[in-house]
Structure formats: structure tokens, C-alpha cells
PDB file of all heavy atoms in Angstrom:
ATOM      1  N   PHE A   1      -4.305 254.401  38.391  1.00  0.00           N
ATOM      2  CA  PHE A   1      -4.944 253.113  38.700  1.00  0.00           C
ATOM      3  C   PHE A   1      -4.496 252.604  40.077  1.00  0.00           C
ATOM      4  O   PHE A   1      -4.004 251.493  40.231  1.00  0.00           O
ATOM      5  CB  PHE A   1      -4.638 252.062  37.624  1.00  0.00           C
ATOM      6  CG  PHE A   1      -5.007 252.488  36.235  1.00  0.00           C
ATOM      7  CD1 PHE A   1      -4.067 252.484  35.227  1.00  0.00           C
ATOM      8  CD2 PHE A   1      -6.295 252.915  35.946  1.00  0.00           C
ATOM      9  CE1 PHE A   1      -4.397 252.896  33.935  1.00  0.00           C
ATOM     10  CE2 PHE A   1      -6.637 253.327  34.659  1.00  0.00           C
ATOM     11  CZ  PHE A   1      -5.690 253.322  33.661  1.00  0.00           C
ATOM     12  N   ASN A   2      -4.662 253.485  41.071  1.00  0.00           N
ATOM     13  CA  ASN A   2      -4.299 253.144  42.452  1.00  0.00           C
ATOM     14  C   ASN A   2      -2.837 252.721  42.592  1.00  0.00           C
ATOM     15  O   ASN A   2      -2.493 251.805  43.352  1.00  0.00           O
ATOM     16  CB  ASN A   2      -5.207 252.043  42.995  1.00  0.00           C
ATOM     17  CG  ASN A   2      -6.593 252.557  43.319  1.00  0.00           C
ATOM     18  OD1 ASN A   2      -6.757 253.678  43.814  1.00  0.00           O
ATOM     19  ND2 ASN A   2      -7.610 251.761  43.032  1.00  0.00           N
ATOM     20  N   GLY A   3      -1.967 253.393  41.859  1.00  0.00           N
ATOM     21  CA  GLY A   3      -0.537 253.123  41.983  1.00  0.00           C
ATOM     22  C   GLY A   3      -0.070 251.884  41.246  1.00  0.00           C
ATOM     23  O   GLY A   3       1.087 251.477  41.407  1.00  0.00           O
ATOM     24  N   MET A   4      -0.919 251.277  40.415  1.00  0.00           N
ATOM     25  CA  MET A   4      -0.534 250.055  39.699  1.00  0.00           C
ATOM     26  C   MET A   4       0.230 250.349  38.413  1.00  0.00           C
ATOM     27  O   MET A   4       0.922 249.480  37.885  1.00  0.00           O
ATOM     28  CB  MET A   4      -1.770 249.214  39.376  1.00  0.00           C
ATOM     29  CG  MET A   4      -2.530 248.741  40.603  1.00  0.00           C
ATOM     30  SD  MET A   4      -4.035 247.842  40.193  1.00  0.00           S
ATOM     31  CE  MET A   4      -3.362 246.293  39.625  1.00  0.00           C
ATOM     32  N   PHE A   5       0.105 251.549  37.906  1.00  0.00           N
ATOM     33  CA  PHE A   5       0.677 251.917  36.607  1.00  0.00           C
ATOM     34  C   PHE A   5       1.455 253.207  36.785  1.00  0.00           C
ATOM     35  O   PHE A   5       0.953 254.152  37.384  1.00  0.00           O
ATOM     36  CB  PHE A   5      -0.470 252.107  35.596  1.00  0.00           C
ATOM     37  CG  PHE A   5      -0.027 252.248  34.166  1.00  0.00           C
ATOM     38  CD1 PHE A   5       0.013 251.159  33.324  1.00  0.00           C
ATOM     39  CD2 PHE A   5       0.333 253.494  33.655  1.00  0.00           C
ATOM     40  CE1 PHE A   5       0.398 251.284  31.996  1.00  0.00           C
ATOM     41  CE2 PHE A   5       0.723 253.644  32.339  1.00  0.00           C
ATOM     42  CZ  PHE A   5       0.749 252.521  31.502  1.00  0.00           C
ATOM     43  N   ILE A   6       2.689 253.228  36.280  1.00  0.00           N
ATOM     44  CA  ILE A   6       3.526 254.412  36.463  1.00  0.00           C
ATOM     45  C   ILE A   6       3.986 254.957  35.107  1.00  0.00           C
ATOM     46  O   ILE A   6       4.318 254.198  34.193  1.00  0.00           O
ATOM     47  CB  ILE A   6       4.754 254.097  37.354  1.00  0.00           C
ATOM     48  CG1 ILE A   6       5.538 255.379  37.662  1.00  0.00           C
ATOM     49  CG2 ILE A   6       5.654 253.044  36.717  1.00  0.00           C
ATOM     50  CD1 ILE A   6       6.604 255.208  38.724  1.00  0.00           C
ATOM     51  N   ASN A   7       3.950 256.257  35.001  1.00  0.00           N
ATOM     52  CA  ASN A   7       4.439 256.945  33.806  1.00  0.00           C
ATOM     53  C   ASN A   7       5.671 257.742  34.215  1.00  0.00           C
ATOM     54  O   ASN A   7       5.559 258.756  34.896  1.00  0.00           O
ATOM     55  CB  ASN A   7       3.346 257.865  33.239  1.00  0.00           C
ATOM     56  CG  ASN A   7       3.858 258.762  32.128  1.00  0.00           C
ATOM     57  OD1 ASN A   7       4.580 258.300  31.255  1.00  0.00           O
ATOM     58  ND2 ASN A   7       3.500 260.034  32.176  1.00  0.00           N
ATOM     59  N   ASP A   8       6.851 257.266  33.848  1.00  0.00           N
ATOM     60  CA  ASP A   8       8.087 257.979  34.162  1.00  0.00           C
ATOM     61  C   ASP A   8       8.981 257.985  32.934  1.00  0.00           C
ATOM     62  O   ASP A   8       8.688 257.362  31.904  1.00  0.00           O
ATOM     63  CB  ASP A   8       8.797 257.380  35.375  1.00  0.00           C
ATOM     64  CG  ASP A   8       9.136 255.895  35.186  1.00  0.00           C
ATOM     65  OD1 ASP A   8       8.905 255.379  34.074  1.00  0.00           O
ATOM     66  OD2 ASP A   8       9.612 255.264  36.142  1.00  0.00           O
ATOM     67  N   LEU A   9      10.101 258.694  33.009  1.00  0.00           N
ATOM     68  CA  LEU A   9      10.961 258.872  31.841  1.00  0.00           C
ATOM     69  C   LEU A   9      11.575 257.550  31.397  1.00  0.00           C
ATOM     70  O   LEU A   9      11.679 257.289  30.192  1.00  0.00           O
ATOM     71  CB  LEU A   9      12.063 259.893  32.158  1.00  0.00           C
ATOM     72  CG  LEU A   9      12.991 260.260  30.996  1.00  0.00           C
ATOM     73  CD1 LEU A   9      12.203 260.747  29.781  1.00  0.00           C
ATOM     74  CD2 LEU A   9      14.007 261.311  31.433  1.00  0.00           C
ATOM     75  N   MET A  10      11.972 256.707  32.335  1.00  0.00           N
ATOM     76  CA  MET A  10      12.530 255.414  31.957  1.00  0.00           C
ATOM     77  C   MET A  10      11.513 254.612  31.150  1.00  0.00           C
ATOM     78  O   MET A  10      11.819 254.045  30.098  1.00  0.00           O
ATOM     79  CB  MET A  10      12.959 254.610  33.190  1.00  0.00           C
ATOM     80  CG  MET A  10      13.610 253.280  32.835  1.00  0.00           C
ATOM     81  SD  MET A  10      13.865 252.156  34.241  1.00  0.00           S
ATOM     82  CE  MET A  10      12.239 251.358  34.318  1.00  0.00           C
ATOM     83  N   GLY A  11      10.279 254.570  31.647  1.00  0.00           N
ATOM     84  CA  GLY A  11       9.232 253.827  30.961  1.00  0.00           C
ATOM     85  C   GLY A  11       8.956 254.380  29.570  1.00  0.00           C
ATOM     86  O   GLY A  11       8.793 253.621  28.610  1.00  0.00           O
ATOM     87  N   LEU A  12       8.900 255.702  29.453  1.00  0.00           N
ATOM     88  CA  LEU A  12       8.629 256.315  28.155  1.00  0.00           C
ATOM     89  C   LEU A  12       9.718 255.981  27.139  1.00  0.00           C
ATOM     90  O   LEU A  12       9.427 255.607  25.996  1.00  0.00           O
ATOM     91  CB  LEU A  12       8.506 257.836  28.299  1.00  0.00           C
ATOM     92  CG  LEU A  12       7.247 258.366  28.982  1.00  0.00           C
ATOM     93  CD1 LEU A  12       7.321 259.873  29.134  1.00  0.00           C
ATOM     94  CD2 LEU A  12       6.004 257.988  28.186  1.00  0.00           C
ATOM     95  N   LEU A  13      10.974 256.098  27.550  1.00  0.00           N
ATOM     96  CA  LEU A  13      12.069 255.819  26.613  1.00  0.00           C
ATOM     97  C   LEU A  13      12.091 254.355  26.211  1.00  0.00           C
ATOM     98  O   LEU A  13      12.338 254.025  25.036  1.00  0.00           O
ATOM     99  CB  LEU A  13      13.402 256.223  27.247  1.00  0.00           C
ATOM    100  CG  LEU A  13      13.613 257.719  27.461  1.00  0.00           C
ATOM    101  CD1 LEU A  13      14.943 257.976  28.161  1.00  0.00           C
ATOM    102  CD2 LEU A  13      13.575 258.467  26.129  1.00  0.00           C
ATOM    103  N   LEU A  14      11.852 253.462  27.152  1.00  0.00           N
ATOM    104  CA  LEU A  14      11.854 252.039  26.827  1.00  0.00           C
ATOM    105  C   LEU A  14      10.681 251.671  25.919  1.00  0.00           C
ATOM    106  O   LEU A  14      10.815 250.832  25.018  1.00  0.00           O
ATOM    107  CB  LEU A  14      11.810 251.204  28.111  1.00  0.00           C
ATOM    108  CG  LEU A  14      13.059 251.271  28.999  1.00  0.00           C
ATOM    109  CD1 LEU A  14      12.876 250.409  30.241  1.00  0.00           C
ATOM    110  CD2 LEU A  14      14.301 250.834  28.228  1.00  0.00           C
ATOM    111  N   LYS A  15       9.526 252.315  26.130  1.00  0.00           N
ATOM    112  CA  LYS A  15       8.386 252.068  25.239  1.00  0.00           C
ATOM    113  C   LYS A  15       8.682 252.559  23.828  1.00  0.00           C
ATOM    114  O   LYS A  15       8.378 251.874  22.842  1.00  0.00           O
ATOM    115  CB  LYS A  15       7.136 252.773  25.780  1.00  0.00           C
ATOM    116  CG  LYS A  15       6.505 252.121  26.991  1.00  0.00           C
ATOM    117  CD  LYS A  15       5.276 252.917  27.410  1.00  0.00           C
ATOM    118  CE  LYS A  15       4.723 252.459  28.734  1.00  0.00           C
ATOM    119  NZ  LYS A  15       3.565 253.280  29.157  1.00  0.00           N
ATOM    120  N   LEU A  16       9.252 253.742  23.713  1.00  0.00           N
ATOM    121  CA  LEU A  16       9.591 254.274  22.395  1.00  0.00           C
ATOM    122  C   LEU A  16      10.574 253.348  21.671  1.00  0.00           C
ATOM    123  O   LEU A  16      10.427 253.080  20.475  1.00  0.00           O
ATOM    124  CB  LEU A  16      10.186 255.679  22.527  1.00  0.00           C
ATOM    125  CG  LEU A  16       9.233 256.768  23.028  1.00  0.00           C
ATOM    126  CD1 LEU A  16       9.996 258.082  23.250  1.00  0.00           C
ATOM    127  CD2 LEU A  16       8.086 257.001  22.045  1.00  0.00           C
ATOM    128  N   ALA A  17      11.562 252.849  22.413  1.00  0.00           N
ATOM    129  CA  ALA A  17      12.535 251.928  21.813  1.00  0.00           C
ATOM    130  C   ALA A  17      11.858 250.625  21.389  1.00  0.00           C
ATOM    131  O   ALA A  17      12.165 250.068  20.324  1.00  0.00           O
ATOM    132  CB  ALA A  17      13.661 251.645  22.805  1.00  0.00           C
ATOM    133  N   THR A  18      10.930 250.139  22.201  1.00  0.00           N
ATOM    134  CA  THR A  18      10.196 248.905  21.874  1.00  0.00           C
ATOM    135  C   THR A  18       9.388 249.072  20.594  1.00  0.00           C
ATOM    136  O   THR A  18       9.373 248.190  19.722  1.00  0.00           O
ATOM    137  CB  THR A  18       9.259 248.527  23.032  1.00  0.00           C
ATOM    138  OG1 THR A  18      10.035 248.299  24.217  1.00  0.00           O
ATOM    139  CG2 THR A  18       8.467 247.272  22.711  1.00  0.00           C
ATOM    140  N   LEU A  19       8.723 250.199  20.460  1.00  0.00           N
ATOM    141  CA  LEU A  19       7.899 250.452  19.271  1.00  0.00           C
ATOM    142  C   LEU A  19       8.767 250.601  18.018  1.00  0.00           C
ATOM    143  O   LEU A  19       8.414 250.083  16.948  1.00  0.00           O
ATOM    144  CB  LEU A  19       7.056 251.711  19.490  1.00  0.00           C
ATOM    145  CG  LEU A  19       5.970 251.584  20.576  1.00  0.00           C
ATOM    146  CD1 LEU A  19       5.441 252.953  20.972  1.00  0.00           C
ATOM    147  CD2 LEU A  19       4.836 250.685  20.096  1.00  0.00           C
ATOM    148  N   ILE A  20       9.899 251.278  18.137  1.00  0.00           N
ATOM    149  CA  ILE A  20      10.812 251.417  16.990  1.00  0.00           C
ATOM    150  C   ILE A  20      11.339 250.043  16.573  1.00  0.00           C
ATOM    151  O   ILE A  20      11.369 249.702  15.383  1.00  0.00           O
ATOM    152  CB  ILE A  20      11.975 252.358  17.342  1.00  0.00           C
ATOM    153  CG1 ILE A  20      11.473 253.790  17.513  1.00  0.00           C
ATOM    154  CG2 ILE A  20      13.053 252.305  16.258  1.00  0.00           C
ATOM    155  CD1 ILE A  20      12.529 254.747  18.046  1.00  0.00           C
ATOM    156  N   ALA A  21      11.748 249.246  17.566  1.00  0.00           N
ATOM    157  CA  ALA A  21      12.281 247.911  17.272  1.00  0.00           C
ATOM    158  C   ALA A  21      11.236 247.044  16.578  1.00  0.00           C
ATOM    159  O   ALA A  21      11.539 246.332  15.617  1.00  0.00           O
ATOM    160  CB  ALA A  21      12.764 247.249  18.560  1.00  0.00           C
ATOM    161  N   THR A  22       9.995 247.088  17.047  1.00  0.00           N
ATOM    162  CA  THR A  22       8.945 246.271  16.449  1.00  0.00           C
ATOM    163  C   THR A  22       8.615 246.749  15.037  1.00  0.00           C
ATOM    164  O   THR A  22       8.364 245.933  14.138  1.00  0.00           O
ATOM    165  CB  THR A  22       7.675 246.302  17.324  1.00  0.00           C
ATOM    166  OG1 THR A  22       8.025 245.959  18.673  1.00  0.00           O
ATOM    167  CG2 THR A  22       6.644 245.315  16.813  1.00  0.00           C
ATOM    168  N   PHE A  23       8.613 248.059  14.824  1.00  0.00           N
ATOM    169  CA  PHE A  23       8.402 248.598  13.475  1.00  0.00           C
ATOM    170  C   PHE A  23       9.470 248.058  12.520  1.00  0.00           C
ATOM    171  O   PHE A  23       9.164 247.649  11.391  1.00  0.00           O
ATOM    172  CB  PHE A  23       8.446 250.128  13.525  1.00  0.00           C
ATOM    173  CG  PHE A  23       8.127 250.795  12.214  1.00  0.00           C
ATOM    174  CD1 PHE A  23       6.828 251.186  11.916  1.00  0.00           C
ATOM    175  CD2 PHE A  23       9.125 251.030  11.273  1.00  0.00           C
ATOM    176  CE1 PHE A  23       6.524 251.799  10.696  1.00  0.00           C
ATOM    177  CE2 PHE A  23       8.833 251.636  10.068  1.00  0.00           C
ATOM    178  CZ  PHE A  23       7.528 252.023   9.778  1.00  0.00           C
ATOM    179  N   MET A  24      10.710 248.041  12.976  1.00  0.00           N
ATOM    180  CA  MET A  24      11.797 247.525  12.146  1.00  0.00           C
ATOM    181  C   MET A  24      11.653 246.028  11.913  1.00  0.00           C
ATOM    182  O   MET A  24      11.928 245.533  10.803  1.00  0.00           O
ATOM    183  CB  MET A  24      13.140 247.849  12.801  1.00  0.00           C
ATOM    184  CG  MET A  24      13.462 249.338  12.844  1.00  0.00           C
ATOM    185  SD  MET A  24      14.998 249.705  13.731  1.00  0.00           S
ATOM    186  CE  MET A  24      16.205 248.968  12.642  1.00  0.00           C
ATOM    187  N   VAL A  25      11.227 245.291  12.927  1.00  0.00           N
ATOM    188  CA  VAL A  25      11.022 243.843  12.784  1.00  0.00           C
ATOM    189  C   VAL A  25      10.005 243.554  11.683  1.00  0.00           C
ATOM    190  O   VAL A  25      10.224 242.700  10.808  1.00  0.00           O
ATOM    191  CB  VAL A  25      10.561 243.219  14.112  1.00  0.00           C
ATOM    192  CG1 VAL A  25      10.024 241.798  13.886  1.00  0.00           C
ATOM    193  CG2 VAL A  25      11.700 243.180  15.119  1.00  0.00           C
ATOM    194  N   LEU A  26       8.875 244.257  11.699  1.00  0.00           N
ATOM    195  CA  LEU A  26       7.844 244.023  10.690  1.00  0.00           C
ATOM    196  C   LEU A  26       8.334 244.414   9.300  1.00  0.00           C
ATOM    197  O   LEU A  26       8.036 243.728   8.315  1.00  0.00           O
ATOM    198  CB  LEU A  26       6.575 244.798  11.045  1.00  0.00           C
ATOM    199  CG  LEU A  26       5.856 244.396  12.346  1.00  0.00           C
ATOM    200  CD1 LEU A  26       4.523 245.138  12.473  1.00  0.00           C
ATOM    201  CD2 LEU A  26       5.633 242.892  12.420  1.00  0.00           C
ATOM    202  N   ALA A  27       9.098 245.501   9.214  1.00  0.00           N
ATOM    203  CA  ALA A  27       9.640 245.920   7.916  1.00  0.00           C
ATOM    204  C   ALA A  27      10.649 244.897   7.400  1.00  0.00           C
ATOM    205  O   ALA A  27      10.657 244.555   6.204  1.00  0.00           O
ATOM    206  CB  ALA A  27      10.275 247.296   8.034  1.00  0.00           C
ATOM    207  N   TYR A  28      11.516 244.421   8.290  1.00  0.00           N
ATOM    208  CA  TYR A  28      12.483 243.392   7.914  1.00  0.00           C
ATOM    209  C   TYR A  28      11.774 242.121   7.425  1.00  0.00           C
ATOM    210  O   TYR A  28      12.222 241.453   6.490  1.00  0.00           O
ATOM    211  CB  TYR A  28      13.344 243.008   9.124  1.00  0.00           C
ATOM    212  CG  TYR A  28      14.619 243.789   9.280  1.00  0.00           C
ATOM    213  CD1 TYR A  28      14.939 244.382  10.494  1.00  0.00           C
ATOM    214  CD2 TYR A  28      15.529 243.901   8.240  1.00  0.00           C
ATOM    215  CE1 TYR A  28      16.122 245.084  10.669  1.00  0.00           C
ATOM    216  CE2 TYR A  28      16.723 244.605   8.401  1.00  0.00           C
ATOM    217  CZ  TYR A  28      17.016 245.190   9.624  1.00  0.00           C
ATOM    218  OH  TYR A  28      18.192 245.880   9.772  1.00  0.00           O
ATOM    219  N   SER A  29      10.673 241.778   8.064  1.00  0.00           N
ATOM    220  CA  SER A  29      10.065 240.459   7.901  1.00  0.00           C
ATOM    221  C   SER A  29       9.085 240.357   6.741  1.00  0.00           C
ATOM    222  O   SER A  29       8.692 239.246   6.375  1.00  0.00           O
ATOM    223  CB  SER A  29       9.330 240.069   9.195  1.00  0.00           C
ATOM    224  OG  SER A  29      10.185 240.112  10.304  1.00  0.00           O
ATOM    225  N   ARG A  30       8.670 241.464   6.167  1.00  0.00           N
ATOM    226  CA  ARG A  30       7.578 241.438   5.192  1.00  0.00           C
ATOM    227  C   ARG A  30       7.838 240.473   4.027  1.00  0.00           C
ATOM    228  O   ARG A  30       7.015 239.597   3.734  1.00  0.00           O
ATOM    229  CB  ARG A  30       7.340 242.841   4.663  1.00  0.00           C
ATOM    230  CG  ARG A  30       6.186 242.945   3.672  1.00  0.00           C
ATOM    231  CD  ARG A  30       5.980 244.386   3.254  1.00  0.00           C
ATOM    232  NE  ARG A  30       4.967 244.531   2.227  1.00  0.00           N
ATOM    233  CZ  ARG A  30       4.613 245.685   1.686  1.00  0.00           C
ATOM    234  NH1 ARG A  30       5.180 246.805   2.104  1.00  0.00           N
ATOM    235  NH2 ARG A  30       3.693 245.746   0.753  1.00  0.00           N
TER     236      ARG A  30
END
């Protein structure tokens, strides 16, 4: 997207951690 969006290892790991954390939040909160 003309250099507006980057896919790198830091971003991938942080996204994976964000998704795991949110999955746990919803499970905790049900």
C-alpha cells in the first residue's frame, strides 16, 4: 500500500500475542 503497511517479524509476533491475549480475555469474561 505504497509503503503505508509493513509486514515484519516484530509486527507478526506482536499481532499473535494480541490475538492470544484477546482470546483469553473473552474466555475469562464469558
